[in-house]
Amino acid sequence: MLYLQKGQENTLYLNINNNSRDTFTDYTLTFTHVMSKEVKNYVIDTNDANEFFQNIRYCTITLDLETDDLNYEGQYTLEIYGSPGTQKVYNGMVVLEGTAESNPFTEYISDNEVNENYIYIQE
């Protein structure tokens, strides 16, 4: 699981580079918010030889969430696709932490501790 900070630059170290996968010209990082199903894509161009050919084990990418931020805090699914051909190379979870001062929901705690209330959300 990855942890990202809302409204900041986040550095990711990924084991994708042109020395290991020279068939891909870029990678698309697709973030899907778990609750709202909102999808946001970031494209990483790996044609820069200075950046993506130096290290044979990993590359460093920076997601600038200051200027192009994800809208919601919380959990996202992250899928990384290699292009051309959009082959999926990674699937995982991301938690976007932010600076919210209060919870975006009202918490209700029952006086009856034996009773448990569940909310079921359908897709």
PDB file of N, CA and C in Angstrom:
ATOM      1  N   MET A   1       0.845  -1.168   0.000  1.00  0.00           N
ATOM      2  CA  MET A   1       0.000   0.000   0.000  1.00  0.00           C
ATOM      3  C   MET A   1       0.892   1.233   0.000  1.00  0.00           C
ATOM      4  N   LEU A   2       0.527   2.195  -0.825  1.00  0.00           N
ATOM      5  CA  LEU A   2       1.244   3.454  -0.912  1.00  0.00           C
ATOM      6  C   LEU A   2       0.492   4.529  -0.142  1.00  0.00           C
ATOM      7  N   TYR A   3       1.246   5.449   0.459  1.00  0.00           N
ATOM      8  CA  TYR A   3       0.661   6.590   1.150  1.00  0.00           C
ATOM      9  C   TYR A   3       1.113   7.860   0.451  1.00  0.00           C
ATOM     10  N   LEU A   4       0.151   8.681   0.020  1.00  0.00           N
ATOM     11  CA  LEU A   4       0.425   9.950  -0.639  1.00  0.00           C
ATOM     12  C   LEU A   4      -0.161  11.084   0.184  1.00  0.00           C
ATOM     13  N   GLN A   5       0.430  12.266   0.048  1.00  0.00           N
ATOM     14  CA  GLN A   5      -0.047  13.448   0.756  1.00  0.00           C
ATOM     15  C   GLN A   5      -0.763  14.373  -0.221  1.00  0.00           C
ATOM     16  N   LYS A   6      -1.959  14.772   0.139  1.00  0.00           N
ATOM     17  CA  LYS A   6      -2.770  15.648  -0.712  1.00  0.00           C
ATOM     18  C   LYS A   6      -2.149  17.037  -0.765  1.00  0.00           C
ATOM     19  N   GLY A   7      -2.092  17.625  -1.971  1.00  0.00           N
ATOM     20  CA  GLY A   7      -1.616  18.984  -2.135  1.00  0.00           C
ATOM     21  C   GLY A   7      -0.113  19.142  -2.057  1.00  0.00           C
ATOM     22  N   GLN A   8       0.650  18.054  -2.196  1.00  0.00           N
ATOM     23  CA  GLN A   8       2.105  18.118  -2.106  1.00  0.00           C
ATOM     24  C   GLN A   8       2.727  17.325  -3.247  1.00  0.00           C
ATOM     25  N   GLU A   9       4.036  17.526  -3.431  1.00  0.00           N
ATOM     26  CA  GLU A   9       4.767  16.673  -4.350  1.00  0.00           C
ATOM     27  C   GLU A   9       5.062  15.357  -3.648  1.00  0.00           C
ATOM     28  N   ASN A  10       4.785  14.251  -4.320  1.00  0.00           N
ATOM     29  CA  ASN A  10       5.018  12.921  -3.767  1.00  0.00           C
ATOM     30  C   ASN A  10       5.995  12.191  -4.680  1.00  0.00           C
ATOM     31  N   THR A  11       7.049  11.637  -4.088  1.00  0.00           N
ATOM     32  CA  THR A  11       8.052  10.914  -4.841  1.00  0.00           C
ATOM     33  C   THR A  11       7.790   9.428  -4.727  1.00  0.00           C
ATOM     34  N   LEU A  12       7.739   8.754  -5.878  1.00  0.00           N
ATOM     35  CA  LEU A  12       7.542   7.306  -5.917  1.00  0.00           C
ATOM     36  C   LEU A  12       8.779   6.658  -6.518  1.00  0.00           C
ATOM     37  N   TYR A  13       9.199   5.548  -5.937  1.00  0.00           N
ATOM     38  CA  TYR A  13      10.308   4.766  -6.469  1.00  0.00           C
ATOM     39  C   TYR A  13       9.725   3.494  -7.046  1.00  0.00           C
ATOM     40  N   LEU A  14       9.792   3.354  -8.351  1.00  0.00           N
ATOM     41  CA  LEU A  14       9.184   2.221  -9.033  1.00  0.00           C
ATOM     42  C   LEU A  14      10.249   1.418  -9.758  1.00  0.00           C
ATOM     43  N   ASN A  15      10.031   0.123  -9.862  1.00  0.00           N
ATOM     44  CA  ASN A  15      10.999  -0.707 -10.580  1.00  0.00           C
ATOM     45  C   ASN A  15      10.635  -0.797 -12.060  1.00  0.00           C
ATOM     46  N   ILE A  16      10.306   0.337 -12.628  1.00  0.00           N
ATOM     47  CA  ILE A  16      10.056   0.426 -14.065  1.00  0.00           C
ATOM     48  C   ILE A  16      11.081   1.375 -14.654  1.00  0.00           C
ATOM     49  N   ASN A  17      11.747   0.940 -15.676  1.00  0.00           N
ATOM     50  CA  ASN A  17      12.653   1.811 -16.420  1.00  0.00           C
ATOM     51  C   ASN A  17      12.907   1.181 -17.773  1.00  0.00           C
ATOM     52  N   ASN A  18      13.605   1.885 -18.624  1.00  0.00           N
ATOM     53  CA  ASN A  18      13.813   1.393 -19.980  1.00  0.00           C
ATOM     54  C   ASN A  18      14.846   0.284 -20.059  1.00  0.00           C
ATOM     55  N   ASN A  19      15.640   0.076 -19.009  1.00  0.00           N
ATOM     56  CA  ASN A  19      16.574  -1.036 -19.022  1.00  0.00           C
ATOM     57  C   ASN A  19      15.860  -2.367 -18.785  1.00  0.00           C
ATOM     58  N   SER A  20      14.779  -2.330 -18.043  1.00  0.00           N
ATOM     59  CA  SER A  20      14.051  -3.572 -17.770  1.00  0.00           C
ATOM     60  C   SER A  20      12.914  -3.805 -18.755  1.00  0.00           C
ATOM     61  N   ARG A  21      12.233  -2.752 -19.190  1.00  0.00           N
ATOM     62  CA  ARG A  21      11.103  -2.882 -20.118  1.00  0.00           C
ATOM     63  C   ARG A  21      11.250  -1.853 -21.228  1.00  0.00           C
ATOM     64  N   ASP A  22      12.083  -2.134 -22.211  1.00  0.00           N
ATOM     65  CA  ASP A  22      12.320  -1.157 -23.268  1.00  0.00           C
ATOM     66  C   ASP A  22      11.206  -1.119 -24.302  1.00  0.00           C
ATOM     67  N   THR A  23      10.203  -1.991 -24.183  1.00  0.00           N
ATOM     68  CA  THR A  23       9.098  -1.975 -25.140  1.00  0.00           C
ATOM     69  C   THR A  23       8.074  -0.891 -24.817  1.00  0.00           C
ATOM     70  N   PHE A  24       8.070  -0.361 -23.609  1.00  0.00           N
ATOM     71  CA  PHE A  24       7.104   0.654 -23.214  1.00  0.00           C
ATOM     72  C   PHE A  24       7.698   2.048 -23.411  1.00  0.00           C
ATOM     73  N   THR A  25       6.912   2.932 -23.989  1.00  0.00           N
ATOM     74  CA  THR A  25       7.347   4.313 -24.174  1.00  0.00           C
ATOM     75  C   THR A  25       6.854   5.218 -23.058  1.00  0.00           C
ATOM     76  N   ASP A  26       5.778   4.835 -22.402  1.00  0.00           N
ATOM     77  CA  ASP A  26       5.294   5.596 -21.255  1.00  0.00           C
ATOM     78  C   ASP A  26       4.433   4.695 -20.382  1.00  0.00           C
ATOM     79  N   TYR A  27       4.157   5.191 -19.201  1.00  0.00           N
ATOM     80  CA  TYR A  27       3.310   4.474 -18.246  1.00  0.00           C
ATOM     81  C   TYR A  27       2.157   5.380 -17.853  1.00  0.00           C
ATOM     82  N   THR A  28       0.982   4.796 -17.723  1.00  0.00           N
ATOM     83  CA  THR A  28      -0.197   5.527 -17.279  1.00  0.00           C
ATOM     84  C   THR A  28      -0.564   5.048 -15.890  1.00  0.00           C
ATOM     85  N   LEU A  29      -0.571   5.966 -14.931  1.00  0.00           N
ATOM     86  CA  LEU A  29      -0.987   5.663 -13.565  1.00  0.00           C
ATOM     87  C   LEU A  29      -2.448   6.052 -13.441  1.00  0.00           C
ATOM     88  N   THR A  30      -3.308   5.080 -13.190  1.00  0.00           N
ATOM     89  CA  THR A  30      -4.747   5.308 -13.100  1.00  0.00           C
ATOM     90  C   THR A  30      -5.179   5.164 -11.649  1.00  0.00           C
ATOM     91  N   PHE A  31      -5.644   6.266 -11.068  1.00  0.00           N
ATOM     92  CA  PHE A  31      -6.146   6.281  -9.704  1.00  0.00           C
ATOM     93  C   PHE A  31      -7.671   6.269  -9.752  1.00  0.00           C
ATOM     94  N   THR A  32      -8.303   5.330  -9.046  1.00  0.00           N
ATOM     95  CA  THR A  32      -9.759   5.263  -8.958  1.00  0.00           C
ATOM     96  C   THR A  32     -10.157   5.342  -7.488  1.00  0.00           C
ATOM     97  N   HIS A  33     -10.897   6.392  -7.134  1.00  0.00           N
ATOM     98  CA  HIS A  33     -11.345   6.553  -5.754  1.00  0.00           C
ATOM     99  C   HIS A  33     -12.338   5.447  -5.417  1.00  0.00           C
ATOM    100  N   VAL A  34     -12.152   4.802  -4.283  1.00  0.00           N
ATOM    101  CA  VAL A  34     -12.947   3.620  -3.935  1.00  0.00           C
ATOM    102  C   VAL A  34     -14.422   3.959  -3.775  1.00  0.00           C
ATOM    103  N   MET A  35     -14.747   5.066  -3.114  1.00  0.00           N
ATOM    104  CA  MET A  35     -16.145   5.387  -2.852  1.00  0.00           C
ATOM    105  C   MET A  35     -16.831   6.087  -4.021  1.00  0.00           C
ATOM    106  N   SER A  36     -16.200   7.100  -4.575  1.00  0.00           N
ATOM    107  CA  SER A  36     -16.866   7.890  -5.611  1.00  0.00           C
ATOM    108  C   SER A  36     -16.674   7.319  -7.014  1.00  0.00           C
ATOM    109  N   LYS A  37     -15.704   6.427  -7.180  1.00  0.00           N
ATOM    110  CA  LYS A  37     -15.365   5.825  -8.484  1.00  0.00           C
ATOM    111  C   LYS A  37     -14.805   6.850  -9.464  1.00  0.00           C
ATOM    112  N   GLU A  38     -14.387   8.016  -8.969  1.00  0.00           N
ATOM    113  CA  GLU A  38     -13.763   9.011  -9.834  1.00  0.00           C
ATOM    114  C   GLU A  38     -12.394   8.507 -10.282  1.00  0.00           C
ATOM    115  N   VAL A  39     -12.088   8.697 -11.564  1.00  0.00           N
ATOM    116  CA  VAL A  39     -10.843   8.199 -12.152  1.00  0.00           C
ATOM    117  C   VAL A  39      -9.974   9.376 -12.560  1.00  0.00           C
ATOM    118  N   LYS A  40      -8.693   9.303 -12.200  1.00  0.00           N
ATOM    119  CA  LYS A  40      -7.725  10.332 -12.586  1.00  0.00           C
ATOM    120  C   LYS A  40      -6.485   9.630 -13.128  1.00  0.00           C
ATOM    121  N   ASN A  41      -5.973  10.097 -14.272  1.00  0.00           N
ATOM    122  CA  ASN A  41      -4.825   9.480 -14.923  1.00  0.00           C
ATOM    123  C   ASN A  41      -3.637  10.423 -14.919  1.00  0.00           C
ATOM    124  N   TYR A  42      -2.447   9.864 -14.700  1.00  0.00           N
ATOM    125  CA  TYR A  42      -1.187  10.575 -14.830  1.00  0.00           C
ATOM    126  C   TYR A  42      -0.319   9.763 -15.779  1.00  0.00           C
ATOM    127  N   VAL A  43       0.294  10.427 -16.771  1.00  0.00           N
ATOM    128  CA  VAL A  43       1.124   9.743 -17.756  1.00  0.00           C
ATOM    129  C   VAL A  43       2.586  10.073 -17.469  1.00  0.00           C
ATOM    130  N   ILE A  44       3.421   9.035 -17.381  1.00  0.00           N
ATOM    131  CA  ILE A  44       4.855   9.176 -17.152  1.00  0.00           C
ATOM    132  C   ILE A  44       5.563   8.790 -18.437  1.00  0.00           C
ATOM    133  N   ASP A  45       6.243   9.745 -19.060  1.00  0.00           N
ATOM    134  CA  ASP A  45       6.963   9.505 -20.305  1.00  0.00           C
ATOM    135  C   ASP A  45       8.359   8.995 -19.960  1.00  0.00           C
ATOM    136  N   THR A  46       8.712   7.784 -20.412  1.00  0.00           N
ATOM    137  CA  THR A  46      10.002   7.178 -20.080  1.00  0.00           C
ATOM    138  C   THR A  46      11.015   7.301 -21.208  1.00  0.00           C
ATOM    139  N   ASN A  47      10.824   8.219 -22.135  1.00  0.00           N
ATOM    140  CA  ASN A  47      11.772   8.396 -23.231  1.00  0.00           C
ATOM    141  C   ASN A  47      12.978   9.241 -22.859  1.00  0.00           C
ATOM    142  N   ASP A  48      12.967   9.892 -21.700  1.00  0.00           N
ATOM    143  CA  ASP A  48      14.094  10.718 -21.274  1.00  0.00           C
ATOM    144  C   ASP A  48      15.227   9.808 -20.797  1.00  0.00           C
ATOM    145  N   ALA A  49      16.292   9.726 -21.595  1.00  0.00           N
ATOM    146  CA  ALA A  49      17.396   8.809 -21.279  1.00  0.00           C
ATOM    147  C   ALA A  49      18.134   9.210 -20.008  1.00  0.00           C
ATOM    148  N   ASN A  50      18.225  10.500 -19.718  1.00  0.00           N
ATOM    149  CA  ASN A  50      18.916  10.942 -18.506  1.00  0.00           C
ATOM    150  C   ASN A  50      18.212  10.484 -17.241  1.00  0.00           C
ATOM    151  N   GLU A  51      16.904  10.414 -17.308  1.00  0.00           N
ATOM    152  CA  GLU A  51      16.131  10.067 -16.109  1.00  0.00           C
ATOM    153  C   GLU A  51      15.868   8.569 -15.990  1.00  0.00           C
ATOM    154  N   PHE A  52      15.604   7.891 -17.100  1.00  0.00           N
ATOM    155  CA  PHE A  52      15.122   6.522 -17.018  1.00  0.00           C
ATOM    156  C   PHE A  52      16.130   5.469 -17.471  1.00  0.00           C
ATOM    157  N   PHE A  53      17.367   5.863 -17.818  1.00  0.00           N
ATOM    158  CA  PHE A  53      18.372   4.874 -18.175  1.00  0.00           C
ATOM    159  C   PHE A  53      19.510   4.813 -17.163  1.00  0.00           C
ATOM    160  N   GLN A  54      19.500   5.701 -16.168  1.00  0.00           N
ATOM    161  CA  GLN A  54      20.622   5.763 -15.233  1.00  0.00           C
ATOM    162  C   GLN A  54      20.666   4.577 -14.282  1.00  0.00           C
ATOM    163  N   ASN A  55      19.548   4.214 -13.730  1.00  0.00           N
ATOM    164  CA  ASN A  55      19.518   3.152 -12.736  1.00  0.00           C
ATOM    165  C   ASN A  55      18.881   1.912 -13.357  1.00  0.00           C
ATOM    166  N   ILE A  56      19.531   0.780 -13.203  1.00  0.00           N
ATOM    167  CA  ILE A  56      19.005  -0.431 -13.834  1.00  0.00           C
ATOM    168  C   ILE A  56      17.942  -1.113 -12.976  1.00  0.00           C
ATOM    169  N   ARG A  57      17.740  -0.671 -11.750  1.00  0.00           N
ATOM    170  CA  ARG A  57      16.799  -1.350 -10.866  1.00  0.00           C
ATOM    171  C   ARG A  57      15.481  -0.618 -10.681  1.00  0.00           C
ATOM    172  N   TYR A  58      15.490   0.693 -10.674  1.00  0.00           N
ATOM    173  CA  TYR A  58      14.262   1.442 -10.417  1.00  0.00           C
ATOM    174  C   TYR A  58      14.356   2.827 -11.030  1.00  0.00           C
ATOM    175  N   CYS A  59      13.235   3.520 -11.041  1.00  0.00           N
ATOM    176  CA  CYS A  59      13.232   4.923 -11.448  1.00  0.00           C
ATOM    177  C   CYS A  59      12.451   5.715 -10.405  1.00  0.00           C
ATOM    178  N   THR A  60      12.717   6.986 -10.391  1.00  0.00           N
ATOM    179  CA  THR A  60      12.060   7.890  -9.455  1.00  0.00           C
ATOM    180  C   THR A  60      11.122   8.787 -10.246  1.00  0.00           C
ATOM    181  N   ILE A  61       9.856   8.818  -9.848  1.00  0.00           N
ATOM    182  CA  ILE A  61       8.908   9.726 -10.476  1.00  0.00           C
ATOM    183  C   ILE A  61       8.305  10.612  -9.394  1.00  0.00           C
ATOM    184  N   THR A  62       7.892  11.778  -9.803  1.00  0.00           N
ATOM    185  CA  THR A  62       7.288  12.725  -8.878  1.00  0.00           C
ATOM    186  C   THR A  62       5.877  13.024  -9.343  1.00  0.00           C
ATOM    187  N   LEU A  63       4.924  12.778  -8.455  1.00  0.00           N
ATOM    188  CA  LEU A  63       3.537  13.167  -8.709  1.00  0.00           C
ATOM    189  C   LEU A  63       3.324  14.526  -8.061  1.00  0.00           C
ATOM    190  N   ASP A  64       3.081  15.523  -8.881  1.00  0.00           N
ATOM    191  CA  ASP A  64       2.885  16.874  -8.375  1.00  0.00           C
ATOM    192  C   ASP A  64       1.408  17.082  -8.064  1.00  0.00           C
ATOM    193  N   LEU A  65       1.042  16.799  -6.824  1.00  0.00           N
ATOM    194  CA  LEU A  65      -0.351  16.956  -6.413  1.00  0.00           C
ATOM    195  C   LEU A  65      -0.634  18.376  -5.927  1.00  0.00           C
ATOM    196  N   GLU A  66       0.346  19.289  -6.083  1.00  0.00           N
ATOM    197  CA  GLU A  66       0.100  20.700  -5.774  1.00  0.00           C
ATOM    198  C   GLU A  66      -0.715  21.345  -6.893  1.00  0.00           C
ATOM    199  N   THR A  67      -0.390  21.015  -8.139  1.00  0.00           N
ATOM    200  CA  THR A  67      -1.057  21.656  -9.267  1.00  0.00           C
ATOM    201  C   THR A  67      -2.129  20.772  -9.895  1.00  0.00           C
ATOM    202  N   ASP A  68      -1.976  19.450  -9.809  1.00  0.00           N
ATOM    203  CA  ASP A  68      -2.927  18.524 -10.434  1.00  0.00           C
ATOM    204  C   ASP A  68      -3.312  17.476  -9.394  1.00  0.00           C
ATOM    205  N   ASP A  69      -4.158  17.885  -8.464  1.00  0.00           N
ATOM    206  CA  ASP A  69      -4.436  17.069  -7.289  1.00  0.00           C
ATOM    207  C   ASP A  69      -5.593  16.097  -7.522  1.00  0.00           C
ATOM    208  N   LEU A  70      -5.575  15.013  -6.747  1.00  0.00           N
ATOM    209  CA  LEU A  70      -6.730  14.123  -6.663  1.00  0.00           C
ATOM    210  C   LEU A  70      -7.785  14.826  -5.821  1.00  0.00           C
ATOM    211  N   ASN A  71      -9.059  14.629  -6.135  1.00  0.00           N
ATOM    212  CA  ASN A  71     -10.119  15.414  -5.501  1.00  0.00           C
ATOM    213  C   ASN A  71     -10.458  14.980  -4.085  1.00  0.00           C
ATOM    214  N   TYR A  72     -10.364  13.687  -3.786  1.00  0.00           N
ATOM    215  CA  TYR A  72     -10.847  13.190  -2.508  1.00  0.00           C
ATOM    216  C   TYR A  72      -9.733  12.552  -1.704  1.00  0.00           C
ATOM    217  N   GLU A  73      -9.804  12.706  -0.403  1.00  0.00           N
ATOM    218  CA  GLU A  73      -8.929  11.959   0.479  1.00  0.00           C
ATOM    219  C   GLU A  73      -9.485  10.547   0.620  1.00  0.00           C
ATOM    220  N   GLY A  74      -8.671   9.634   1.084  1.00  0.00           N
ATOM    221  CA  GLY A  74      -9.141   8.273   1.306  1.00  0.00           C
ATOM    222  C   GLY A  74      -8.420   7.262   0.444  1.00  0.00           C
ATOM    223  N   GLN A  75      -9.092   6.146   0.173  1.00  0.00           N
ATOM    224  CA  GLN A  75      -8.473   5.039  -0.547  1.00  0.00           C
ATOM    225  C   GLN A  75      -8.725   5.108  -2.047  1.00  0.00           C
ATOM    226  N   TYR A  76      -7.688   4.783  -2.784  1.00  0.00           N
ATOM    227  CA  TYR A  76      -7.731   4.687  -4.235  1.00  0.00           C
ATOM    228  C   TYR A  76      -7.156   3.344  -4.653  1.00  0.00           C
ATOM    229  N   THR A  77      -7.652   2.815  -5.751  1.00  0.00           N
ATOM    230  CA  THR A  77      -6.952   1.707  -6.393  1.00  0.00           C
ATOM    231  C   THR A  77      -6.009   2.334  -7.412  1.00  0.00           C
ATOM    232  N   LEU A  78      -4.807   1.784  -7.501  1.00  0.00           N
ATOM    233  CA  LEU A  78      -3.820   2.273  -8.454  1.00  0.00           C
ATOM    234  C   LEU A  78      -3.512   1.154  -9.434  1.00  0.00           C
ATOM    235  N   GLU A  79      -3.691   1.448 -10.707  1.00  0.00           N
ATOM    236  CA  GLU A  79      -3.318   0.525 -11.764  1.00  0.00           C
ATOM    237  C   GLU A  79      -2.328   1.240 -12.668  1.00  0.00           C
ATOM    238  N   ILE A  80      -1.221   0.567 -12.980  1.00  0.00           N
ATOM    239  CA  ILE A  80      -0.211   1.141 -13.863  1.00  0.00           C
ATOM    240  C   ILE A  80      -0.200   0.323 -15.140  1.00  0.00           C
ATOM    241  N   TYR A  81      -0.334   1.030 -16.264  1.00  0.00           N
ATOM    242  CA  TYR A  81      -0.355   0.398 -17.581  1.00  0.00           C
ATOM    243  C   TYR A  81       0.849   0.869 -18.374  1.00  0.00           C
ATOM    244  N   GLY A  82       1.492  -0.066 -19.083  1.00  0.00           N
ATOM    245  CA  GLY A  82       2.580   0.269 -19.982  1.00  0.00           C
ATOM    246  C   GLY A  82       2.044   0.456 -21.386  1.00  0.00           C
ATOM    247  N   SER A  83       2.502   1.518 -22.059  1.00  0.00           N
ATOM    248  CA  SER A  83       2.044   1.801 -23.415  1.00  0.00           C
ATOM    249  C   SER A  83       3.211   1.651 -24.375  1.00  0.00           C
ATOM    250  N   PRO A  84       3.044   1.278 -25.597  1.00  0.00           N
ATOM    251  CA  PRO A  84       1.778   1.021 -26.276  1.00  0.00           C
ATOM    252  C   PRO A  84       1.198  -0.333 -25.889  1.00  0.00           C
ATOM    253  N   GLY A  85      -0.071  -0.471 -26.122  1.00  0.00           N
ATOM    254  CA  GLY A  85      -0.753  -1.730 -25.854  1.00  0.00           C
ATOM    255  C   GLY A  85      -1.492  -1.766 -24.541  1.00  0.00           C
ATOM    256  N   THR A  86      -1.269  -0.793 -23.688  1.00  0.00           N
ATOM    257  CA  THR A  86      -1.902  -0.694 -22.369  1.00  0.00           C
ATOM    258  C   THR A  86      -1.893  -2.020 -21.611  1.00  0.00           C
ATOM    259  N   GLN A  87      -0.715  -2.566 -21.433  1.00  0.00           N
ATOM    260  CA  GLN A  87      -0.551  -3.794 -20.652  1.00  0.00           C
ATOM    261  C   GLN A  87      -0.438  -3.431 -19.172  1.00  0.00           C
ATOM    262  N   LYS A  88      -1.259  -4.065 -18.326  1.00  0.00           N
ATOM    263  CA  LYS A  88      -1.232  -3.769 -16.897  1.00  0.00           C
ATOM    264  C   LYS A  88       0.034  -4.360 -16.277  1.00  0.00           C
ATOM    265  N   VAL A  89       0.804  -3.507 -15.587  1.00  0.00           N
ATOM    266  CA  VAL A  89       2.048  -3.955 -14.959  1.00  0.00           C
ATOM    267  C   VAL A  89       1.995  -3.863 -13.436  1.00  0.00           C
ATOM    268  N   TYR A  90       0.984  -3.184 -12.883  1.00  0.00           N
ATOM    269  CA  TYR A  90       0.881  -3.068 -11.431  1.00  0.00           C
ATOM    270  C   TYR A  90      -0.567  -2.833 -11.049  1.00  0.00           C
ATOM    271  N   ASN A  91      -0.953  -3.383  -9.896  1.00  0.00           N
ATOM    272  CA  ASN A  91      -2.280  -3.179  -9.337  1.00  0.00           C
ATOM    273  C   ASN A  91      -2.128  -3.125  -7.824  1.00  0.00           C
ATOM    274  N   GLY A  92      -2.590  -2.060  -7.174  1.00  0.00           N
ATOM    275  CA  GLY A  92      -2.449  -1.943  -5.736  1.00  0.00           C
ATOM    276  C   GLY A  92      -3.364  -0.886  -5.159  1.00  0.00           C
ATOM    277  N   MET A  93      -3.180  -0.609  -3.877  1.00  0.00           N
ATOM    278  CA  MET A  93      -4.000   0.365  -3.159  1.00  0.00           C
ATOM    279  C   MET A  93      -3.145   1.566  -2.752  1.00  0.00           C
ATOM    280  N   VAL A  94      -3.799   2.731  -2.708  1.00  0.00           N
ATOM    281  CA  VAL A  94      -3.164   3.978  -2.300  1.00  0.00           C
ATOM    282  C   VAL A  94      -4.068   4.647  -1.277  1.00  0.00           C
ATOM    283  N   VAL A  95      -3.454   5.208  -0.241  1.00  0.00           N
ATOM    284  CA  VAL A  95      -4.193   6.024   0.720  1.00  0.00           C
ATOM    285  C   VAL A  95      -3.724   7.458   0.545  1.00  0.00           C
ATOM    286  N   LEU A  96      -4.664   8.348   0.242  1.00  0.00           N
ATOM    287  CA  LEU A  96      -4.362   9.766   0.105  1.00  0.00           C
ATOM    288  C   LEU A  96      -4.734  10.450   1.406  1.00  0.00           C
ATOM    289  N   GLU A  97      -3.707  10.929   2.102  1.00  0.00           N
ATOM    290  CA  GLU A  97      -3.927  11.616   3.366  1.00  0.00           C
ATOM    291  C   GLU A  97      -3.912  13.109   3.120  1.00  0.00           C
ATOM    292  N   GLY A  98      -4.732  13.823   3.867  1.00  0.00           N
ATOM    293  CA  GLY A  98      -4.844  15.258   3.624  1.00  0.00           C
ATOM    294  C   GLY A  98      -4.811  16.061   4.883  1.00  0.00           C
ATOM    295  N   THR A  99      -5.336  17.245   4.752  1.00  0.00           N
ATOM    296  CA  THR A  99      -5.307  18.197   5.860  1.00  0.00           C
ATOM    297  C   THR A  99      -6.706  18.545   6.338  1.00  0.00           C
ATOM    298  N   ALA A 100      -7.648  17.626   6.180  1.00  0.00           N
ATOM    299  CA  ALA A 100      -9.024  17.904   6.602  1.00  0.00           C
ATOM    300  C   ALA A 100      -9.066  18.120   8.111  1.00  0.00           C
ATOM    301  N   GLU A 101      -9.733  19.190   8.530  1.00  0.00           N
ATOM    302  CA  GLU A 101      -9.811  19.499   9.947  1.00  0.00           C
ATOM    303  C   GLU A 101     -10.895  18.712  10.650  1.00  0.00           C
ATOM    304  N   SER A 102     -11.914  18.316   9.907  1.00  0.00           N
ATOM    305  CA  SER A 102     -12.990  17.542  10.521  1.00  0.00           C
ATOM    306  C   SER A 102     -13.341  16.379   9.599  1.00  0.00           C
ATOM    307  N   ASN A 103     -13.968  15.384  10.167  1.00  0.00           N
ATOM    308  CA  ASN A 103     -14.375  14.228   9.370  1.00  0.00           C
ATOM    309  C   ASN A 103     -15.471  14.635   8.394  1.00  0.00           C
ATOM    310  N   PRO A 104     -15.463  14.069   7.185  1.00  0.00           N
ATOM    311  CA  PRO A 104     -16.506  14.408   6.210  1.00  0.00           C
ATOM    312  C   PRO A 104     -17.814  13.660   6.467  1.00  0.00           C
ATOM    313  N   PHE A 105     -17.987  13.138   7.660  1.00  0.00           N
ATOM    314  CA  PHE A 105     -19.199  12.408   8.010  1.00  0.00           C
ATOM    315  C   PHE A 105     -19.496  12.642   9.489  1.00  0.00           C
ATOM    316  N   THR A 106     -20.708  12.342   9.899  1.00  0.00           N
ATOM    317  CA  THR A 106     -21.101  12.444  11.296  1.00  0.00           C
ATOM    318  C   THR A 106     -21.052  11.060  11.908  1.00  0.00           C
ATOM    319  N   GLU A 107     -20.278  10.917  12.961  1.00  0.00           N
ATOM    320  CA  GLU A 107     -20.128   9.622  13.607  1.00  0.00           C
ATOM    321  C   GLU A 107     -21.227   9.459  14.653  1.00  0.00           C
ATOM    322  N   TYR A 108     -21.900   8.308  14.628  1.00  0.00           N
ATOM    323  CA  TYR A 108     -22.932   8.007  15.609  1.00  0.00           C
ATOM    324  C   TYR A 108     -22.490   6.796  16.402  1.00  0.00           C
ATOM    325  N   ILE A 109     -22.444   6.967  17.718  1.00  0.00           N
ATOM    326  CA  ILE A 109     -22.098   5.857  18.606  1.00  0.00           C
ATOM    327  C   ILE A 109     -23.323   5.566  19.451  1.00  0.00           C
ATOM    328  N   SER A 110     -23.779   4.332  19.357  1.00  0.00           N
ATOM    329  CA  SER A 110     -24.994   3.933  20.060  1.00  0.00           C
ATOM    330  C   SER A 110     -24.726   3.774  21.556  1.00  0.00           C
ATOM    331  N   ASP A 111     -25.742   4.099  22.373  1.00  0.00           N
ATOM    332  CA  ASP A 111     -25.648   3.866  23.817  1.00  0.00           C
ATOM    333  C   ASP A 111     -25.698   2.379  24.130  1.00  0.00           C
ATOM    334  N   ASN A 112     -26.319   1.624  23.243  1.00  0.00           N
ATOM    335  CA  ASN A 112     -26.447   0.190  23.422  1.00  0.00           C
ATOM    336  C   ASN A 112     -25.248  -0.478  22.760  1.00  0.00           C
ATOM    337  N   GLU A 113     -24.265  -0.934  23.558  1.00  0.00           N
ATOM    338  CA  GLU A 113     -23.047  -1.487  22.997  1.00  0.00           C
ATOM    339  C   GLU A 113     -23.256  -2.856  22.359  1.00  0.00           C
ATOM    340  N   VAL A 114     -24.370  -3.516  22.675  1.00  0.00           N
ATOM    341  CA  VAL A 114     -24.647  -4.824  22.078  1.00  0.00           C
ATOM    342  C   VAL A 114     -25.120  -4.642  20.639  1.00  0.00           C
ATOM    343  N   ASN A 115     -25.780  -3.531  20.386  1.00  0.00           N
ATOM    344  CA  ASN A 115     -26.312  -3.256  19.060  1.00  0.00           C
ATOM    345  C   ASN A 115     -25.200  -2.733  18.157  1.00  0.00           C
ATOM    346  N   GLU A 116     -25.111  -3.280  16.964  1.00  0.00           N
ATOM    347  CA  GLU A 116     -24.148  -2.788  15.986  1.00  0.00           C
ATOM    348  C   GLU A 116     -24.911  -2.373  14.737  1.00  0.00           C
ATOM    349  N   ASN A 117     -24.572  -1.220  14.231  1.00  0.00           N
ATOM    350  CA  ASN A 117     -25.222  -0.713  13.029  1.00  0.00           C
ATOM    351  C   ASN A 117     -24.250  -0.768  11.869  1.00  0.00           C
ATOM    352  N   TYR A 118     -24.707  -1.314  10.759  1.00  0.00           N
ATOM    353  CA  TYR A 118     -23.869  -1.428   9.567  1.00  0.00           C
ATOM    354  C   TYR A 118     -24.524  -0.679   8.420  1.00  0.00           C
ATOM    355  N   ILE A 119     -23.715  -0.058   7.631  1.00  0.00           N
ATOM    356  CA  ILE A 119     -24.196   0.588   6.414  1.00  0.00           C
ATOM    357  C   ILE A 119     -23.604  -0.175   5.244  1.00  0.00           C
ATOM    358  N   TYR A 120     -24.450  -0.667   4.382  1.00  0.00           N
ATOM    359  CA  TYR A 120     -24.009  -1.424   3.213  1.00  0.00           C
ATOM    360  C   TYR A 120     -24.125  -0.517   1.993  1.00  0.00           C
ATOM    361  N   ILE A 121     -23.046  -0.419   1.260  1.00  0.00           N
ATOM    362  CA  ILE A 121     -23.006   0.433   0.075  1.00  0.00           C
ATOM    363  C   ILE A 121     -22.946  -0.480  -1.144  1.00  0.00           C
ATOM    364  N   GLN A 122     -23.890  -0.314  -2.040  1.00  0.00           N
ATOM    365  CA  GLN A 122     -23.906  -1.110  -3.258  1.00  0.00           C
ATOM    366  C   GLN A 122     -23.176  -0.389  -4.353  1.00  0.00           C
ATOM    367  N   GLU A 123     -22.534  -1.150  -5.231  1.00  0.00           N
ATOM    368  CA  GLU A 123     -21.848  -0.545  -6.374  1.00  0.00           C
ATOM    369  C   GLU A 123     -22.810  -0.360  -7.519  1.00  0.00           C
TER     370      GLU A 123
END
